[in-house]
């Protein structure tokens, strides 16, 4: 009969076991698959058209945590991060930037309000 003791040890949540690997992979920002990326799409109105932006909330949280000083620095960092997961046509780049900055301000305002309460 095989020795399964190593397996049961892994499932008991040891720090070097399966659970730590799963926890680590769940904390990564990158989606693990297309389905995970699809769940991370947020719709934002750009030029009057509802447009899906992948990883917007995660990007906003990351940029906010980096404490950029000026609005132009925040916007540049947001655009760079968002372009990793989204195609941004040159013809509507300014509108994308405006919409992202609006969403950034909404999220930050909402998070600051929650901290006060």
PDB file of N, CA and C in Angstrom:
ATOM      1  N   UNK A   1       0.846  -1.181   0.000  1.00  0.00           N
ATOM      2  CA  UNK A   1       0.000   0.000   0.000  1.00  0.00           C
ATOM      3  C   UNK A   1       0.894   1.248   0.000  1.00  0.00           C
ATOM      4  N   UNK A   2       0.582   2.251  -0.840  1.00  0.00           N
ATOM      5  CA  UNK A   2       1.430   3.447  -0.915  1.00  0.00           C
ATOM      6  C   UNK A   2       1.351   4.285   0.359  1.00  0.00           C
ATOM      7  N   UNK A   3       2.422   5.015   0.605  1.00  0.00           N
ATOM      8  CA  UNK A   3       2.478   5.917   1.757  1.00  0.00           C
ATOM      9  C   UNK A   3       1.930   7.283   1.335  1.00  0.00           C
ATOM     10  N   UNK A   4       0.772   7.656   1.846  1.00  0.00           N
ATOM     11  CA  UNK A   4       0.113   8.920   1.492  1.00  0.00           C
ATOM     12  C   UNK A   4       0.323   9.978   2.574  1.00  0.00           C
ATOM     13  N   UNK A   5       1.214   9.768   3.496  1.00  0.00           N
ATOM     14  CA  UNK A   5       1.387  10.719   4.587  1.00  0.00           C
ATOM     15  C   UNK A   5       1.816  12.100   4.078  1.00  0.00           C
ATOM     16  N   UNK A   6       2.655  12.133   3.053  1.00  0.00           N
ATOM     17  CA  UNK A   6       3.087  13.421   2.502  1.00  0.00           C
ATOM     18  C   UNK A   6       1.900  14.185   1.939  1.00  0.00           C
ATOM     19  N   UNK A   7       0.935  13.443   1.355  1.00  0.00           N
ATOM     20  CA  UNK A   7      -0.246  14.072   0.767  1.00  0.00           C
ATOM     21  C   UNK A   7      -1.125  14.685   1.843  1.00  0.00           C
ATOM     22  N   UNK A   8      -1.384  13.947   2.913  1.00  0.00           N
ATOM     23  CA  UNK A   8      -2.230  14.477   3.983  1.00  0.00           C
ATOM     24  C   UNK A   8      -1.560  15.664   4.656  1.00  0.00           C
ATOM     25  N   UNK A   9      -0.222  15.632   4.736  1.00  0.00           N
ATOM     26  CA  UNK A   9       0.501  16.764   5.308  1.00  0.00           C
ATOM     27  C   UNK A   9       0.278  18.020   4.457  1.00  0.00           C
ATOM     28  N   UNK A  10       0.296  17.860   3.135  1.00  0.00           N
ATOM     29  CA  UNK A  10       0.075  18.990   2.235  1.00  0.00           C
ATOM     30  C   UNK A  10      -1.307  19.596   2.450  1.00  0.00           C
ATOM     31  N   UNK A  11      -2.296  18.776   2.653  1.00  0.00           N
ATOM     32  CA  UNK A  11      -3.677  19.260   2.782  1.00  0.00           C
ATOM     33  C   UNK A  11      -3.980  19.810   4.152  1.00  0.00           C
ATOM     34  N   UNK A  12      -3.065  19.692   5.083  1.00  0.00           N
ATOM     35  CA  UNK A  12      -3.288  20.255   6.411  1.00  0.00           C
ATOM     36  C   UNK A  12      -2.841  21.705   6.473  1.00  0.00           C
ATOM     37  N   UNK A  13      -2.459  22.246   5.339  1.00  0.00           N
ATOM     38  CA  UNK A  13      -2.161  23.677   5.271  1.00  0.00           C
ATOM     39  C   UNK A  13      -0.769  24.059   5.711  1.00  0.00           C
ATOM     40  N   UNK A  14       0.199  23.199   5.508  1.00  0.00           N
ATOM     41  CA  UNK A  14       1.565  23.574   5.861  1.00  0.00           C
ATOM     42  C   UNK A  14       1.997  24.767   5.015  1.00  0.00           C
ATOM     43  N   UNK A  15       2.915  25.552   5.545  1.00  0.00           N
ATOM     44  CA  UNK A  15       3.304  26.779   4.860  1.00  0.00           C
ATOM     45  C   UNK A  15       3.997  26.525   3.526  1.00  0.00           C
ATOM     46  N   UNK A  16       4.547  25.339   3.337  1.00  0.00           N
ATOM     47  CA  UNK A  16       5.216  25.063   2.072  1.00  0.00           C
ATOM     48  C   UNK A  16       4.372  24.155   1.182  1.00  0.00           C
ATOM     49  N   UNK A  17       3.111  23.992   1.508  1.00  0.00           N
ATOM     50  CA  UNK A  17       2.267  23.036   0.802  1.00  0.00           C
ATOM     51  C   UNK A  17       1.438  23.627  -0.306  1.00  0.00           C
ATOM     52  N   UNK A  18       0.455  22.860  -0.708  1.00  0.00           N
ATOM     53  CA  UNK A  18      -0.422  23.215  -1.819  1.00  0.00           C
ATOM     54  C   UNK A  18      -1.164  24.510  -1.547  1.00  0.00           C
ATOM     55  N   UNK A  19      -1.653  24.681  -0.306  1.00  0.00           N
ATOM     56  CA  UNK A  19      -2.449  25.865  -0.004  1.00  0.00           C
ATOM     57  C   UNK A  19      -1.655  27.151  -0.166  1.00  0.00           C
ATOM     58  N   UNK A  20      -0.390  27.133   0.214  1.00  0.00           N
ATOM     59  CA  UNK A  20       0.406  28.353   0.068  1.00  0.00           C
ATOM     60  C   UNK A  20       0.608  28.700  -1.405  1.00  0.00           C
ATOM     61  N   UNK A  21       0.749  27.667  -2.257  1.00  0.00           N
ATOM     62  CA  UNK A  21       0.895  27.925  -3.686  1.00  0.00           C
ATOM     63  C   UNK A  21      -0.392  28.487  -4.280  1.00  0.00           C
ATOM     64  N   UNK A  22      -1.527  27.922  -3.878  1.00  0.00           N
ATOM     65  CA  UNK A  22      -2.813  28.415  -4.371  1.00  0.00           C
ATOM     66  C   UNK A  22      -3.032  29.836  -3.891  1.00  0.00           C
ATOM     67  N   UNK A  23      -2.775  30.088  -2.618  1.00  0.00           N
ATOM     68  CA  UNK A  23      -2.941  31.422  -2.060  1.00  0.00           C
ATOM     69  C   UNK A  23      -2.048  32.425  -2.779  1.00  0.00           C
ATOM     70  N   UNK A  24      -0.802  32.019  -3.045  1.00  0.00           N
ATOM     71  CA  UNK A  24       0.137  32.891  -3.748  1.00  0.00           C
ATOM     72  C   UNK A  24      -0.363  33.206  -5.155  1.00  0.00           C
ATOM     73  N   UNK A  25      -0.847  32.178  -5.857  1.00  0.00           N
ATOM     74  CA  UNK A  25      -1.303  32.411  -7.227  1.00  0.00           C
ATOM     75  C   UNK A  25      -2.577  33.240  -7.254  1.00  0.00           C
ATOM     76  N   UNK A  26      -3.415  33.140  -6.220  1.00  0.00           N
ATOM     77  CA  UNK A  26      -4.641  33.927  -6.178  1.00  0.00           C
ATOM     78  C   UNK A  26      -4.343  35.394  -5.907  1.00  0.00           C
ATOM     79  N   UNK A  27      -3.216  35.667  -5.246  1.00  0.00           N
ATOM     80  CA  UNK A  27      -2.895  37.050  -4.925  1.00  0.00           C
ATOM     81  C   UNK A  27      -2.201  37.770  -6.079  1.00  0.00           C
ATOM     82  N   UNK A  28      -1.747  37.030  -7.087  1.00  0.00           N
ATOM     83  CA  UNK A  28      -1.111  37.659  -8.240  1.00  0.00           C
ATOM     84  C   UNK A  28      -2.125  38.512  -8.983  1.00  0.00           C
ATOM     85  N   UNK A  29      -1.655  39.600  -9.579  1.00  0.00           N
ATOM     86  CA  UNK A  29      -2.545  40.488 -10.316  1.00  0.00           C
ATOM     87  C   UNK A  29      -2.977  39.918 -11.651  1.00  0.00           C
ATOM     88  N   UNK A  30      -2.152  39.093 -12.245  1.00  0.00           N
ATOM     89  CA  UNK A  30      -2.442  38.599 -13.583  1.00  0.00           C
ATOM     90  C   UNK A  30      -3.561  37.569 -13.547  1.00  0.00           C
ATOM     91  N   UNK A  31      -4.491  37.665 -14.498  1.00  0.00           N
ATOM     92  CA  UNK A  31      -5.525  36.643 -14.573  1.00  0.00           C
ATOM     93  C   UNK A  31      -4.907  35.302 -14.958  1.00  0.00           C
ATOM     94  N   UNK A  32      -5.432  34.232 -14.381  1.00  0.00           N
ATOM     95  CA  UNK A  32      -4.871  32.913 -14.651  1.00  0.00           C
ATOM     96  C   UNK A  32      -5.309  32.362 -15.998  1.00  0.00           C
ATOM     97  N   UNK A  33      -6.441  32.849 -16.512  1.00  0.00           N
ATOM     98  CA  UNK A  33      -6.984  32.322 -17.757  1.00  0.00           C
ATOM     99  C   UNK A  33      -7.942  33.359 -18.351  1.00  0.00           C
ATOM    100  N   UNK A  34      -8.466  33.047 -19.520  1.00  0.00           N
ATOM    101  CA  UNK A  34      -9.387  33.978 -20.187  1.00  0.00           C
ATOM    102  C   UNK A  34     -10.647  34.196 -19.354  1.00  0.00           C
ATOM    103  N   UNK A  35     -11.134  33.153 -18.714  1.00  0.00           N
ATOM    104  CA  UNK A  35     -12.350  33.284 -17.901  1.00  0.00           C
ATOM    105  C   UNK A  35     -12.125  34.226 -16.724  1.00  0.00           C
ATOM    106  N   UNK A  36     -10.957  34.130 -16.095  1.00  0.00           N
ATOM    107  CA  UNK A  36     -10.644  35.021 -14.983  1.00  0.00           C
ATOM    108  C   UNK A  36     -10.521  36.461 -15.473  1.00  0.00           C
ATOM    109  N   UNK A  37      -9.888  36.650 -16.610  1.00  0.00           N
ATOM    110  CA  UNK A  37      -9.780  37.998 -17.188  1.00  0.00           C
ATOM    111  C   UNK A  37     -11.166  38.551 -17.522  1.00  0.00           C
ATOM    112  N   UNK A  38     -12.034  37.697 -18.018  1.00  0.00           N
ATOM    113  CA  UNK A  38     -13.390  38.122 -18.372  1.00  0.00           C
ATOM    114  C   UNK A  38     -14.151  38.604 -17.135  1.00  0.00           C
ATOM    115  N   UNK A  39     -13.933  37.960 -15.997  1.00  0.00           N
ATOM    116  CA  UNK A  39     -14.609  38.363 -14.756  1.00  0.00           C
ATOM    117  C   UNK A  39     -14.087  39.691 -14.236  1.00  0.00           C
ATOM    118  N   UNK A  40     -12.938  40.110 -14.708  1.00  0.00           N
ATOM    119  CA  UNK A  40     -12.330  41.356 -14.231  1.00  0.00           C
ATOM    120  C   UNK A  40     -12.579  42.535 -15.164  1.00  0.00           C
ATOM    121  N   UNK A  41     -13.542  42.423 -16.044  1.00  0.00           N
ATOM    122  CA  UNK A  41     -13.866  43.511 -16.962  1.00  0.00           C
ATOM    123  C   UNK A  41     -14.873  44.441 -16.297  1.00  0.00           C
ATOM    124  N   UNK A  42     -14.601  45.737 -16.365  1.00  0.00           N
ATOM    125  CA  UNK A  42     -15.545  46.730 -15.865  1.00  0.00           C
ATOM    126  C   UNK A  42     -15.952  47.608 -17.024  1.00  0.00           C
ATOM    127  N   UNK A  43     -17.235  47.900 -17.106  1.00  0.00           N
ATOM    128  CA  UNK A  43     -17.744  48.722 -18.197  1.00  0.00           C
ATOM    129  C   UNK A  43     -17.700  50.195 -17.808  1.00  0.00           C
ATOM    130  N   UNK A  44     -17.148  50.995 -18.711  1.00  0.00           N
ATOM    131  CA  UNK A  44     -17.009  52.433 -18.534  1.00  0.00           C
ATOM    132  C   UNK A  44     -17.492  53.097 -19.819  1.00  0.00           C
ATOM    133  N   UNK A  45     -18.177  54.212 -19.682  1.00  0.00           N
ATOM    134  CA  UNK A  45     -18.658  54.919 -20.865  1.00  0.00           C
ATOM    135  C   UNK A  45     -17.530  55.758 -21.466  1.00  0.00           C
ATOM    136  N   UNK A  46     -17.225  55.481 -22.734  1.00  0.00           N
ATOM    137  CA  UNK A  46     -16.200  56.220 -23.467  1.00  0.00           C
ATOM    138  C   UNK A  46     -16.826  56.683 -24.770  1.00  0.00           C
ATOM    139  N   UNK A  47     -16.823  58.002 -24.985  1.00  0.00           N
ATOM    140  CA  UNK A  47     -17.483  58.588 -26.167  1.00  0.00           C
ATOM    141  C   UNK A  47     -18.938  58.151 -26.265  1.00  0.00           C
ATOM    142  N   UNK A  48     -19.601  58.023 -25.131  1.00  0.00           N
ATOM    143  CA  UNK A  48     -21.008  57.651 -25.113  1.00  0.00           C
ATOM    144  C   UNK A  48     -21.274  56.170 -25.338  1.00  0.00           C
ATOM    145  N   UNK A  49     -20.219  55.352 -25.432  1.00  0.00           N
ATOM    146  CA  UNK A  49     -20.368  53.914 -25.688  1.00  0.00           C
ATOM    147  C   UNK A  49     -19.820  53.150 -24.486  1.00  0.00           C
ATOM    148  N   UNK A  50     -20.621  52.223 -23.975  1.00  0.00           N
ATOM    149  CA  UNK A  50     -20.146  51.386 -22.877  1.00  0.00           C
ATOM    150  C   UNK A  50     -19.013  50.501 -23.394  1.00  0.00           C
ATOM    151  N   UNK A  51     -17.867  50.602 -22.754  1.00  0.00           N
ATOM    152  CA  UNK A  51     -16.664  49.900 -23.187  1.00  0.00           C
ATOM    153  C   UNK A  51     -16.109  49.086 -22.025  1.00  0.00           C
ATOM    154  N   UNK A  52     -15.788  47.843 -22.284  1.00  0.00           N
ATOM    155  CA  UNK A  52     -15.218  46.987 -21.250  1.00  0.00           C
ATOM    156  C   UNK A  52     -13.728  47.220 -21.116  1.00  0.00           C
ATOM    157  N   UNK A  53     -13.277  47.430 -19.881  1.00  0.00           N
ATOM    158  CA  UNK A  53     -11.859  47.605 -19.601  1.00  0.00           C
ATOM    159  C   UNK A  53     -11.442  46.511 -18.627  1.00  0.00           C
ATOM    160  N   UNK A  54     -10.520  45.681 -19.077  1.00  0.00           N
ATOM    161  CA  UNK A  54     -10.023  44.586 -18.252  1.00  0.00           C
ATOM    162  C   UNK A  54      -9.024  45.102 -17.230  1.00  0.00           C
ATOM    163  N   UNK A  55      -9.140  44.607 -16.011  1.00  0.00           N
ATOM    164  CA  UNK A  55      -8.204  44.885 -14.919  1.00  0.00           C
ATOM    165  C   UNK A  55      -8.202  46.354 -14.477  1.00  0.00           C
ATOM    166  N   UNK A  56      -9.289  47.059 -14.665  1.00  0.00           N
ATOM    167  CA  UNK A  56      -9.341  48.467 -14.270  1.00  0.00           C
ATOM    168  C   UNK A  56      -9.235  48.626 -12.757  1.00  0.00           C
ATOM    169  N   UNK A  57     -10.030  47.870 -12.008  1.00  0.00           N
ATOM    170  CA  UNK A  57     -10.015  48.013 -10.552  1.00  0.00           C
ATOM    171  C   UNK A  57      -8.654  47.649  -9.963  1.00  0.00           C
ATOM    172  N   UNK A  58      -8.062  46.568 -10.464  1.00  0.00           N
ATOM    173  CA  UNK A  58      -6.747  46.162  -9.978  1.00  0.00           C
ATOM    174  C   UNK A  58      -5.689  47.213 -10.315  1.00  0.00           C
ATOM    175  N   UNK A  59      -5.794  47.785 -11.501  1.00  0.00           N
ATOM    176  CA  UNK A  59      -4.839  48.818 -11.916  1.00  0.00           C
ATOM    177  C   UNK A  59      -4.974  50.061 -11.053  1.00  0.00           C
ATOM    178  N   UNK A  60      -6.198  50.462 -10.774  1.00  0.00           N
ATOM    179  CA  UNK A  60      -6.435  51.638  -9.924  1.00  0.00           C
ATOM    180  C   UNK A  60      -5.857  51.405  -8.533  1.00  0.00           C
ATOM    181  N   UNK A  61      -6.112  50.228  -7.973  1.00  0.00           N
ATOM    182  CA  UNK A  61      -5.595  49.927  -6.634  1.00  0.00           C
ATOM    183  C   UNK A  61      -4.069  49.964  -6.606  1.00  0.00           C
ATOM    184  N   UNK A  62      -3.447  49.402  -7.631  1.00  0.00           N
ATOM    185  CA  UNK A  62      -1.989  49.377  -7.682  1.00  0.00           C
ATOM    186  C   UNK A  62      -1.417  50.783  -7.833  1.00  0.00           C
ATOM    187  N   UNK A  63      -2.000  51.573  -8.713  1.00  0.00           N
ATOM    188  CA  UNK A  63      -1.508  52.942  -8.934  1.00  0.00           C
ATOM    189  C   UNK A  63      -1.705  53.782  -7.671  1.00  0.00           C
ATOM    190  N   UNK A  64      -2.838  53.626  -7.020  1.00  0.00           N
ATOM    191  CA  UNK A  64      -3.101  54.377  -5.788  1.00  0.00           C
ATOM    192  C   UNK A  64      -2.090  54.019  -4.696  1.00  0.00           C
ATOM    193  N   UNK A  65      -1.741  52.753  -4.603  1.00  0.00           N
ATOM    194  CA  UNK A  65      -0.786  52.303  -3.585  1.00  0.00           C
ATOM    195  C   UNK A  65       0.616  52.870  -3.824  1.00  0.00           C
ATOM    196  N   UNK A  66       0.921  53.245  -5.059  1.00  0.00           N
ATOM    197  CA  UNK A  66       2.244  53.771  -5.379  1.00  0.00           C
ATOM    198  C   UNK A  66       2.384  55.259  -5.073  1.00  0.00           C
ATOM    199  N   UNK A  67       1.296  55.914  -4.688  1.00  0.00           N
ATOM    200  CA  UNK A  67       1.317  57.317  -4.249  1.00  0.00           C
ATOM    201  C   UNK A  67       1.975  58.274  -5.240  1.00  0.00           C
ATOM    202  N   UNK A  68       1.490  58.275  -6.468  1.00  0.00           N
ATOM    203  CA  UNK A  68       1.983  59.255  -7.434  1.00  0.00           C
ATOM    204  C   UNK A  68       1.542  60.646  -6.996  1.00  0.00           C
ATOM    205  N   UNK A  69       2.347  61.649  -7.312  1.00  0.00           N
ATOM    206  CA  UNK A  69       2.081  62.997  -6.827  1.00  0.00           C
ATOM    207  C   UNK A  69       1.040  63.767  -7.622  1.00  0.00           C
ATOM    208  N   UNK A  70       1.265  63.897  -8.913  1.00  0.00           N
ATOM    209  CA  UNK A  70       0.382  64.749  -9.708  1.00  0.00           C
ATOM    210  C   UNK A  70      -0.616  63.914 -10.505  1.00  0.00           C
ATOM    211  N   UNK A  71      -1.657  64.597 -10.963  1.00  0.00           N
ATOM    212  CA  UNK A  71      -2.680  63.929 -11.764  1.00  0.00           C
ATOM    213  C   UNK A  71      -2.100  63.406 -13.081  1.00  0.00           C
ATOM    214  N   UNK A  72      -1.168  64.139 -13.664  1.00  0.00           N
ATOM    215  CA  UNK A  72      -0.568  63.682 -14.920  1.00  0.00           C
ATOM    216  C   UNK A  72       0.280  62.425 -14.710  1.00  0.00           C
ATOM    217  N   UNK A  73       0.966  62.319 -13.568  1.00  0.00           N
ATOM    218  CA  UNK A  73       1.718  61.100 -13.263  1.00  0.00           C
ATOM    219  C   UNK A  73       0.777  59.912 -13.055  1.00  0.00           C
ATOM    220  N   UNK A  74      -0.323  60.152 -12.355  1.00  0.00           N
ATOM    221  CA  UNK A  74      -1.321  59.100 -12.128  1.00  0.00           C
ATOM    222  C   UNK A  74      -1.884  58.632 -13.461  1.00  0.00           C
ATOM    223  N   UNK A  75      -2.245  59.581 -14.301  1.00  0.00           N
ATOM    224  CA  UNK A  75      -2.834  59.258 -15.600  1.00  0.00           C
ATOM    225  C   UNK A  75      -1.857  58.474 -16.482  1.00  0.00           C
ATOM    226  N   UNK A  76      -0.610  58.895 -16.500  1.00  0.00           N
ATOM    227  CA  UNK A  76       0.401  58.185 -17.297  1.00  0.00           C
ATOM    228  C   UNK A  76       0.587  56.751 -16.797  1.00  0.00           C
ATOM    229  N   UNK A  77       0.634  56.589 -15.483  1.00  0.00           N
ATOM    230  CA  UNK A  77       0.791  55.245 -14.905  1.00  0.00           C
ATOM    231  C   UNK A  77      -0.436  54.379 -15.183  1.00  0.00           C
ATOM    232  N   UNK A  78      -1.629  54.976 -15.074  1.00  0.00           N
ATOM    233  CA  UNK A  78      -2.863  54.234 -15.376  1.00  0.00           C
ATOM    234  C   UNK A  78      -2.891  53.783 -16.829  1.00  0.00           C
ATOM    235  N   UNK A  79      -2.563  54.690 -17.741  1.00  0.00           N
ATOM    236  CA  UNK A  79      -2.572  54.348 -19.166  1.00  0.00           C
ATOM    237  C   UNK A  79      -1.566  53.230 -19.457  1.00  0.00           C
ATOM    238  N   UNK A  80      -0.390  53.306 -18.866  1.00  0.00           N
ATOM    239  CA  UNK A  80       0.622  52.279 -19.095  1.00  0.00           C
ATOM    240  C   UNK A  80       0.139  50.927 -18.584  1.00  0.00           C
ATOM    241  N   UNK A  81      -0.448  50.916 -17.395  1.00  0.00           N
ATOM    242  CA  UNK A  81      -0.923  49.666 -16.803  1.00  0.00           C
ATOM    243  C   UNK A  81      -2.112  49.097 -17.581  1.00  0.00           C
ATOM    244  N   UNK A  82      -3.052  49.942 -17.940  1.00  0.00           N
ATOM    245  CA  UNK A  82      -4.261  49.489 -18.629  1.00  0.00           C
ATOM    246  C   UNK A  82      -3.919  48.934 -20.011  1.00  0.00           C
ATOM    247  N   UNK A  83      -2.942  49.519 -20.667  1.00  0.00           N
ATOM    248  CA  UNK A  83      -2.558  49.049 -22.012  1.00  0.00           C
ATOM    249  C   UNK A  83      -2.006  47.624 -22.008  1.00  0.00           C
ATOM    250  N   UNK A  84      -1.577  47.148 -20.875  1.00  0.00           N
ATOM    251  CA  UNK A  84      -1.080  45.776 -20.789  1.00  0.00           C
ATOM    252  C   UNK A  84      -2.195  44.802 -21.139  1.00  0.00           C
ATOM    253  N   UNK A  85      -3.408  45.087 -20.693  1.00  0.00           N
ATOM    254  CA  UNK A  85      -4.536  44.169 -20.848  1.00  0.00           C
ATOM    255  C   UNK A  85      -5.586  44.624 -21.849  1.00  0.00           C
ATOM    256  N   UNK A  86      -5.477  45.838 -22.368  1.00  0.00           N
ATOM    257  CA  UNK A  86      -6.508  46.405 -23.234  1.00  0.00           C
ATOM    258  C   UNK A  86      -5.892  47.073 -24.458  1.00  0.00           C
ATOM    259  N   UNK A  87      -6.600  46.963 -25.570  1.00  0.00           N
ATOM    260  CA  UNK A  87      -6.210  47.699 -26.772  1.00  0.00           C
ATOM    261  C   UNK A  87      -6.827  49.082 -26.678  1.00  0.00           C
ATOM    262  N   UNK A  88      -6.016  50.108 -26.861  1.00  0.00           N
ATOM    263  CA  UNK A  88      -6.496  51.489 -26.822  1.00  0.00           C
ATOM    264  C   UNK A  88      -6.216  52.125 -28.178  1.00  0.00           C
ATOM    265  N   UNK A  89      -7.266  52.318 -28.985  1.00  0.00           N
ATOM    266  CA  UNK A  89      -7.059  52.949 -30.292  1.00  0.00           C
ATOM    267  C   UNK A  89      -6.563  54.384 -30.138  1.00  0.00           C
ATOM    268  N   UNK A  90      -5.636  54.780 -30.980  1.00  0.00           N
ATOM    269  CA  UNK A  90      -5.080  56.141 -30.931  1.00  0.00           C
ATOM    270  C   UNK A  90      -6.170  57.203 -31.072  1.00  0.00           C
ATOM    271  N   UNK A  91      -7.183  56.913 -31.886  1.00  0.00           N
ATOM    272  CA  UNK A  91      -8.220  57.906 -32.162  1.00  0.00           C
ATOM    273  C   UNK A  91      -9.067  58.258 -30.935  1.00  0.00           C
ATOM    274  N   UNK A  92      -9.107  57.383 -29.933  1.00  0.00           N
ATOM    275  CA  UNK A  92      -9.900  57.659 -28.734  1.00  0.00           C
ATOM    276  C   UNK A  92      -9.051  57.620 -27.460  1.00  0.00           C
ATOM    277  N   UNK A  93      -7.756  57.760 -27.628  1.00  0.00           N
ATOM    278  CA  UNK A  93      -6.844  57.696 -26.494  1.00  0.00           C
ATOM    279  C   UNK A  93      -7.164  58.748 -25.429  1.00  0.00           C
ATOM    280  N   UNK A  94      -7.444  59.964 -25.839  1.00  0.00           N
ATOM    281  CA  UNK A  94      -7.749  61.038 -24.885  1.00  0.00           C
ATOM    282  C   UNK A  94      -9.028  60.730 -24.111  1.00  0.00           C
ATOM    283  N   UNK A  95     -10.031  60.180 -24.788  1.00  0.00           N
ATOM    284  CA  UNK A  95     -11.280  59.814 -24.117  1.00  0.00           C
ATOM    285  C   UNK A  95     -11.057  58.671 -23.128  1.00  0.00           C
ATOM    286  N   UNK A  96     -10.251  57.695 -23.509  1.00  0.00           N
ATOM    287  CA  UNK A  96      -9.912  56.606 -22.596  1.00  0.00           C
ATOM    288  C   UNK A  96      -9.247  57.173 -21.346  1.00  0.00           C
ATOM    289  N   UNK A  97      -8.305  58.076 -21.544  1.00  0.00           N
ATOM    290  CA  UNK A  97      -7.577  58.671 -20.427  1.00  0.00           C
ATOM    291  C   UNK A  97      -8.534  59.423 -19.506  1.00  0.00           C
ATOM    292  N   UNK A  98      -9.428  60.191 -20.085  1.00  0.00           N
ATOM    293  CA  UNK A  98     -10.400  60.948 -19.282  1.00  0.00           C
ATOM    294  C   UNK A  98     -11.297  60.006 -18.484  1.00  0.00           C
ATOM    295  N   UNK A  99     -11.791  58.961 -19.136  1.00  0.00           N
ATOM    296  CA  UNK A  99     -12.688  58.008 -18.477  1.00  0.00           C
ATOM    297  C   UNK A  99     -11.961  57.266 -17.351  1.00  0.00           C
ATOM    298  N   UNK A 100     -10.733  56.897 -17.579  1.00  0.00           N
ATOM    299  CA  UNK A 100      -9.969  56.193 -16.548  1.00  0.00           C
ATOM    300  C   UNK A 100      -9.706  57.084 -15.348  1.00  0.00           C
ATOM    301  N   UNK A 101      -9.408  58.338 -15.623  1.00  0.00           N
ATOM    302  CA  UNK A 101      -9.152  59.266 -14.522  1.00  0.00           C
ATOM    303  C   UNK A 101     -10.422  59.491 -13.715  1.00  0.00           C
ATOM    304  N   UNK A 102     -11.571  59.573 -14.381  1.00  0.00           N
ATOM    305  CA  UNK A 102     -12.845  59.703 -13.670  1.00  0.00           C
ATOM    306  C   UNK A 102     -13.085  58.500 -12.768  1.00  0.00           C
ATOM    307  N   UNK A 103     -12.845  57.309 -13.296  1.00  0.00           N
ATOM    308  CA  UNK A 103     -13.030  56.082 -12.516  1.00  0.00           C
ATOM    309  C   UNK A 103     -12.045  56.038 -11.345  1.00  0.00           C
ATOM    310  N   UNK A 104     -10.819  56.461 -11.584  1.00  0.00           N
ATOM    311  CA  UNK A 104      -9.814  56.509 -10.521  1.00  0.00           C
ATOM    312  C   UNK A 104     -10.298  57.408  -9.380  1.00  0.00           C
ATOM    313  N   UNK A 105     -10.777  58.591  -9.733  1.00  0.00           N
ATOM    314  CA  UNK A 105     -11.248  59.536  -8.712  1.00  0.00           C
ATOM    315  C   UNK A 105     -12.457  58.989  -7.959  1.00  0.00           C
ATOM    316  N   UNK A 106     -13.373  58.320  -8.668  1.00  0.00           N
ATOM    317  CA  UNK A 106     -14.541  57.722  -8.011  1.00  0.00           C
ATOM    318  C   UNK A 106     -14.123  56.671  -7.003  1.00  0.00           C
ATOM    319  N   UNK A 107     -13.230  55.789  -7.414  1.00  0.00           N
ATOM    320  CA  UNK A 107     -12.789  54.701  -6.539  1.00  0.00           C
ATOM    321  C   UNK A 107     -12.049  55.247  -5.329  1.00  0.00           C
ATOM    322  N   UNK A 108     -11.172  56.205  -5.543  1.00  0.00           N
ATOM    323  CA  UNK A 108     -10.394  56.765  -4.440  1.00  0.00           C
ATOM    324  C   UNK A 108     -11.296  57.525  -3.483  1.00  0.00           C
ATOM    325  N   UNK A 109     -12.236  58.281  -3.995  1.00  0.00           N
ATOM    326  CA  UNK A 109     -13.180  59.001  -3.163  1.00  0.00           C
ATOM    327  C   UNK A 109     -14.011  58.033  -2.331  1.00  0.00           C
ATOM    328  N   UNK A 110     -14.466  56.968  -2.978  1.00  0.00           N
ATOM    329  CA  UNK A 110     -15.270  55.958  -2.281  1.00  0.00           C
ATOM    330  C   UNK A 110     -14.453  55.266  -1.193  1.00  0.00           C
ATOM    331  N   UNK A 111     -13.204  54.932  -1.486  1.00  0.00           N
ATOM    332  CA  UNK A 111     -12.380  54.258  -0.481  1.00  0.00           C
ATOM    333  C   UNK A 111     -12.043  55.182   0.678  1.00  0.00           C
ATOM    334  N   UNK A 112     -11.835  56.470   0.403  1.00  0.00           N
ATOM    335  CA  UNK A 112     -11.561  57.423   1.470  1.00  0.00           C
ATOM    336  C   UNK A 112     -12.794  57.640   2.360  1.00  0.00           C
ATOM    337  N   UNK A 113     -13.978  57.620   1.749  1.00  0.00           N
ATOM    338  CA  UNK A 113     -15.213  57.780   2.506  1.00  0.00           C
ATOM    339  C   UNK A 113     -15.417  56.587   3.441  1.00  0.00           C
ATOM    340  N   UNK A 114     -15.128  55.392   2.971  1.00  0.00           N
ATOM    341  CA  UNK A 114     -15.260  54.188   3.799  1.00  0.00           C
ATOM    342  C   UNK A 114     -14.307  54.226   4.980  1.00  0.00           C
ATOM    343  N   UNK A 115     -13.099  54.769   4.794  1.00  0.00           N
ATOM    344  CA  UNK A 115     -12.133  54.845   5.889  1.00  0.00           C
ATOM    345  C   UNK A 115     -12.621  55.777   6.987  1.00  0.00           C
ATOM    346  N   UNK A 116     -13.306  56.856   6.605  1.00  0.00           N
ATOM    347  CA  UNK A 116     -13.781  57.841   7.564  1.00  0.00           C
ATOM    348  C   UNK A 116     -14.932  57.277   8.414  1.00  0.00           C
ATOM    349  N   UNK A 117     -15.799  56.497   7.774  1.00  0.00           N
ATOM    350  CA  UNK A 117     -16.974  55.968   8.474  1.00  0.00           C
ATOM    351  C   UNK A 117     -16.603  54.961   9.458  1.00  0.00           C
TER     352      UNK A 117
END
